[in-house]
Amino acid sequence: HQWKRYKAVLGNECPGWDDFIKHKQAGDDVYKSLESKFRSFGIKASYNDKKIDRIAALDEYKQNEGAIKATLQGVESQSRSLTYETATIIDRKGAIISQSSGNTNSVDIPSDLSKLNIVTHNHPGGSCFSRRDVETLLEDNILELRATTPQSVIYSLRQTSEEKRDSRLLDDLCVA
């Protein structure tokens, strides 16, 4: 996965997947420049596979932000008035891949499907994220976690390219 490595090291200087492949196949000056910049960092760049996957996922998210936003608006407008919690997992292209229902205070989120995807759920009581919500975000490596309330307030936590797993994060957020 050469593109993932290049994206992790070069950041925004590296084009998206489709453009990268076009330039690579053409062997053009754009690709040669990327290759030269990447090599200048050496193989010693400290990017593990998990970070590379997260950076690639964020790039895909940005490329499909319009479709993701449209899906989120539809799902969240339907779930905000429910009296029980529901969760929807949306992939990085904006497609719904899982929906589940819970009770008034919780809903189970399938961790095998949520990794590096978007999870939105409702909070019928109108609260911000619970401590368990934040733990799930971190443990399951969710790209973005959202909670919507009956008052149409939407809370969102989104990963960045940097890995921040400081335990104080849980204490710094508004927790129910």
Protein backbone atom coordinates (compact mmCIF):
# COMPACT_ATOMS: atom_id res chain seq x y z
CA HIS A 1 0.00 0.00 0.00
CA GLN A 2 2.41 2.54 -1.31
CA TRP A 3 -0.15 5.35 -1.39
CA LYS A 4 -0.84 4.94 2.35
CA ARG A 5 2.87 5.25 3.13
CA TYR A 6 3.26 8.29 0.89
CA LYS A 7 0.15 9.93 2.36
CA ALA A 8 1.33 9.29 5.92
CA VAL A 9 4.74 10.84 5.27
CA LEU A 10 3.86 13.61 2.81
CA GLY A 11 0.43 14.57 4.18
CA ASN A 12 -1.44 17.06 1.99
CA GLU A 13 1.38 17.09 -0.56
CA CYS A 14 0.26 13.62 -1.62
CA PRO A 15 -2.82 13.55 -3.86
CA GLY A 16 -5.82 11.32 -3.23
CA TRP A 17 -5.75 7.63 -4.14
CA ASP A 18 -7.17 7.95 -7.67
CA ASP A 19 -4.84 10.79 -8.69
CA PHE A 20 -1.85 9.04 -7.12
CA ILE A 21 -2.51 5.89 -9.15
CA LYS A 22 -2.93 7.90 -12.38
CA HIS A 23 0.39 9.68 -11.83
CA LYS A 24 2.15 6.45 -10.87
CA GLN A 25 0.88 4.58 -13.92
CA ALA A 26 1.89 7.46 -16.16
CA GLY A 27 5.30 7.71 -14.47
CA ASP A 28 4.99 11.46 -14.87
CA ASP A 29 6.83 14.33 -13.18
CA VAL A 30 4.23 14.57 -10.41
CA TYR A 31 4.86 10.96 -9.40
CA LYS A 32 8.64 11.36 -9.69
CA SER A 33 8.46 14.42 -7.43
CA LEU A 34 6.39 12.55 -4.85
CA GLU A 35 8.79 9.62 -4.97
CA SER A 36 11.76 11.92 -4.47
CA LYS A 37 10.14 13.74 -1.53
CA PHE A 38 9.16 10.44 0.08
CA ARG A 39 12.65 9.01 -0.27
CA SER A 40 14.14 12.16 1.24
CA PHE A 41 12.46 11.18 4.51
CA GLY A 42 14.10 7.77 4.41
CA ILE A 43 12.47 4.52 5.44
CA LYS A 44 12.97 5.53 9.08
CA ALA A 45 9.73 7.56 9.14
CA SER A 46 7.91 6.67 12.34
CA TYR A 47 4.52 5.76 10.95
CA ASN A 48 2.97 2.49 12.03
CA ASP A 49 0.27 0.72 10.04
CA LYS A 50 -2.45 1.94 12.40
CA LYS A 51 -1.50 5.58 11.82
CA ILE A 52 -1.21 5.03 8.07
CA ASP A 53 -4.69 3.45 8.02
CA ARG A 54 -6.12 6.39 10.01
CA ILE A 55 -4.56 8.95 7.65
CA ALA A 56 -5.90 7.08 4.61
CA ALA A 57 -9.36 6.89 6.23
CA LEU A 58 -9.34 10.63 6.94
CA ASP A 59 -8.42 11.33 3.34
CA GLU A 60 -11.25 9.13 2.09
CA TYR A 61 -13.61 10.87 4.54
CA LYS A 62 -12.63 14.28 3.13
CA GLN A 63 -13.15 13.09 -0.45
CA ASN A 64 -16.69 11.91 0.35
CA GLU A 65 -17.71 14.53 2.89
CA GLY A 66 -20.78 15.63 0.90
CA ALA A 67 -22.24 12.12 0.70
CA ILE A 68 -21.42 11.47 4.37
CA LYS A 69 -23.07 14.72 5.43
CA ALA A 70 -26.24 13.92 3.46
CA THR A 71 -26.49 10.46 5.02
CA LEU A 72 -25.89 11.84 8.53
CA GLN A 73 -28.59 14.50 8.09
CA GLY A 74 -31.15 11.91 7.08
CA VAL A 75 -30.27 9.44 9.84
CA GLU A 76 -30.01 12.05 12.59
CA SER A 77 -33.25 13.79 11.67
CA GLN A 78 -35.07 10.45 12.00
CA SER A 79 -33.42 9.35 15.24
CA ARG A 80 -33.43 12.56 17.29
CA SER A 81 -37.08 12.24 18.34
CA LEU A 82 -36.97 8.57 19.36
CA THR A 83 -37.37 7.63 23.03
CA TYR A 84 -34.73 4.88 22.82
CA GLU A 85 -31.14 4.95 21.57
CA THR A 86 -30.25 3.86 18.06
CA ALA A 87 -26.85 3.66 16.39
CA THR A 88 -25.97 3.82 12.72
CA ILE A 89 -22.57 3.04 11.25
CA ILE A 90 -21.74 4.86 8.03
CA ASP A 91 -18.73 4.02 5.90
CA ARG A 92 -16.31 6.60 4.51
CA LYS A 93 -18.28 6.79 1.26
CA GLY A 94 -21.52 7.73 3.00
CA ALA A 95 -23.27 4.34 2.85
CA ILE A 96 -25.11 2.91 5.86
CA ILE A 97 -23.52 -0.40 6.83
CA SER A 98 -25.26 -1.14 10.13
CA GLN A 99 -28.18 0.04 12.25
CA SER A 100 -29.10 -1.10 15.74
CA SER A 101 -31.59 -0.23 18.46
CA GLY A 102 -31.06 -0.17 22.20
CA ASN A 103 -32.93 1.06 25.25
CA THR A 104 -33.45 4.52 26.77
CA ASN A 105 -29.84 4.79 27.99
CA SER A 106 -27.64 2.72 25.70
CA VAL A 107 -27.17 0.95 22.40
CA ASP A 108 -24.61 -1.66 21.40
CA ILE A 109 -22.29 -0.65 18.58
CA PRO A 110 -20.71 -3.54 16.65
CA SER A 111 -16.97 -2.92 17.09
CA ASP A 112 -16.04 -5.05 14.08
CA LEU A 113 -17.96 -2.67 11.80
CA SER A 114 -17.20 0.65 13.49
CA LYS A 115 -13.41 0.69 13.00
CA LEU A 116 -12.42 3.79 11.03
CA ASN A 117 -16.04 4.50 10.14
CA ILE A 118 -18.58 7.08 11.31
CA VAL A 119 -20.95 6.18 14.14
CA THR A 120 -23.93 8.34 14.94
CA HIS A 121 -26.39 7.66 17.72
CA ASN A 122 -29.08 9.54 19.55
CA HIS A 123 -29.36 10.58 23.19
CA PRO A 124 -33.09 10.75 24.05
CA GLY A 125 -32.26 12.45 27.37
CA GLY A 126 -30.46 15.28 25.60
CA SER A 127 -27.03 14.70 27.15
CA CYS A 128 -23.54 15.05 25.74
CA PHE A 129 -21.25 12.04 25.35
CA SER A 130 -21.10 9.53 28.17
CA ARG A 131 -17.80 8.23 29.46
CA ARG A 132 -18.62 4.92 27.78
CA ASP A 133 -19.16 6.72 24.44
CA VAL A 134 -15.66 8.18 24.59
CA GLU A 135 -14.15 4.86 25.66
CA THR A 136 -15.87 3.20 22.68
CA LEU A 137 -14.49 5.86 20.32
CA LEU A 138 -10.95 5.17 21.50
CA GLU A 139 -11.14 1.38 21.96
CA ASP A 140 -12.91 0.66 18.67
CA ASN A 141 -10.87 3.19 16.67
CA ILE A 142 -13.98 4.98 15.39
CA LEU A 143 -13.21 7.72 12.89
CA GLU A 144 -16.03 9.99 14.07
CA LEU A 145 -18.54 9.53 16.88
CA ARG A 146 -21.69 11.65 16.92
CA ALA A 147 -24.60 12.03 19.30
CA THR A 148 -27.78 13.91 18.49
CA THR A 149 -30.42 15.13 20.94
CA PRO A 150 -34.16 15.86 20.72
CA GLN A 151 -33.22 19.57 20.79
CA SER A 152 -31.31 19.09 17.50
CA VAL A 153 -27.92 19.51 19.18
CA ILE A 154 -25.24 17.38 17.55
CA TYR A 155 -22.07 16.45 19.42
CA SER A 156 -19.13 15.18 17.40
CA LEU A 157 -15.68 13.76 18.13
CA ARG A 158 -13.49 13.10 15.09
CA GLN A 159 -10.05 11.55 14.98
CA THR A 160 -7.15 13.46 13.52
CA SER A 161 -3.98 12.19 11.91
CA GLU A 162 -2.26 12.45 15.27
CA GLU A 163 -2.65 9.70 17.83
CA LYS A 164 -3.75 11.11 21.16
CA ARG A 165 -4.62 8.45 23.67
CA ASP A 166 -4.04 10.45 26.83
CA SER A 167 -6.32 9.18 29.58
CA ARG A 168 -7.04 12.80 30.55
CA LEU A 169 -9.11 13.09 27.37
CA LEU A 170 -11.96 11.37 29.15
CA ASP A 171 -11.84 13.88 31.99
CA ASP A 172 -11.62 16.92 29.70
CA LEU A 173 -14.80 16.16 27.76
CA CYS A 174 -18.34 16.84 28.82
CA VAL A 175 -19.43 13.50 30.21
CA ALA A 176 -22.86 12.53 31.43
